[in-house]
């Protein structure tokens, strides 16, 4: 598994919207944008969202934070 692909499937807690990519516009709704639900590779939120998920999991499973 490519480690970078781990960032692709994490949910984000902020609202992010993207325009329809050229060549893939919805002909019925060309003015609409997409709301991003999962982190996309390349967004600045990807590493942060993945770290928060990992840290929460580790802390819930008896690991402790270093001082």
Protein backbone atom coordinates (compact mmCIF):
# COMPACT_ATOMS: atom_id res chain seq x y z
CA UNK A 1 0.00 0.00 0.00
CA UNK A 2 1.21 3.46 -0.84
CA UNK A 3 1.45 5.46 2.38
CA UNK A 4 0.21 8.63 0.68
CA UNK A 5 -3.11 6.94 -0.08
CA UNK A 6 -3.90 6.87 3.64
CA UNK A 7 -4.73 10.57 3.42
CA UNK A 8 -7.44 10.00 0.83
CA UNK A 9 -10.09 8.52 3.06
CA UNK A 10 -10.17 10.71 6.16
CA UNK A 11 -13.17 12.94 6.82
CA UNK A 12 -12.61 16.64 7.46
CA UNK A 13 -14.33 18.89 9.96
CA UNK A 14 -14.34 22.08 7.86
CA UNK A 15 -16.53 22.91 4.88
CA UNK A 16 -14.57 22.77 1.63
CA UNK A 17 -16.10 23.35 -1.80
CA UNK A 18 -14.51 22.78 -5.21
CA UNK A 19 -15.56 23.79 -8.70
CA UNK A 20 -16.46 21.18 -11.26
CA UNK A 21 -13.30 20.20 -13.15
CA UNK A 22 -13.27 21.23 -16.80
CA UNK A 23 -14.39 18.36 -18.98
CA UNK A 24 -16.45 16.88 -16.14
CA UNK A 25 -19.12 19.56 -15.72
CA UNK A 26 -22.66 18.40 -15.01
CA UNK A 27 -24.59 19.58 -18.09
CA UNK A 28 -27.81 19.87 -16.06
CA UNK A 29 -26.19 21.97 -13.29
CA UNK A 30 -23.05 23.70 -14.64
CA UNK A 31 -23.17 26.44 -11.98
CA UNK A 32 -23.04 24.09 -8.99
CA UNK A 33 -19.96 23.26 -6.92
CA UNK A 34 -19.08 20.11 -4.96
CA UNK A 35 -18.84 19.91 -1.19
CA UNK A 36 -15.79 17.87 -0.19
CA UNK A 37 -16.55 15.31 2.52
CA UNK A 38 -13.30 13.35 2.51
CA UNK A 39 -9.79 14.77 2.56
CA UNK A 40 -8.20 14.98 -0.87
CA UNK A 41 -4.51 14.26 -1.30
CA UNK A 42 -2.76 17.57 -1.70
CA UNK A 43 -5.02 19.61 0.57
CA UNK A 44 -3.36 21.04 3.64
CA UNK A 45 -5.98 19.38 5.86
CA UNK A 46 -4.97 15.85 4.84
CA UNK A 47 -1.98 15.33 7.17
CA UNK A 48 -3.70 17.12 10.05
CA UNK A 49 -6.89 15.05 9.73
CA UNK A 50 -4.93 11.81 9.54
CA UNK A 51 -2.80 12.76 12.57
CA UNK A 52 -5.89 13.59 14.65
CA UNK A 53 -7.46 10.23 13.84
CA UNK A 54 -4.27 8.33 14.63
CA UNK A 55 -3.62 10.25 17.86
CA UNK A 56 -7.18 9.65 19.08
CA UNK A 57 -6.93 5.94 18.32
CA UNK A 58 -3.60 5.58 20.10
CA UNK A 59 -4.73 7.52 23.18
CA UNK A 60 -7.92 5.44 23.42
CA UNK A 61 -5.85 2.25 23.31
CA UNK A 62 -3.64 2.84 26.36
CA UNK A 63 -0.85 4.77 24.68
CA UNK A 64 0.24 8.01 26.37
CA UNK A 65 1.57 11.27 24.98
CA UNK A 66 5.24 12.05 25.50
CA UNK A 67 5.89 15.09 27.73
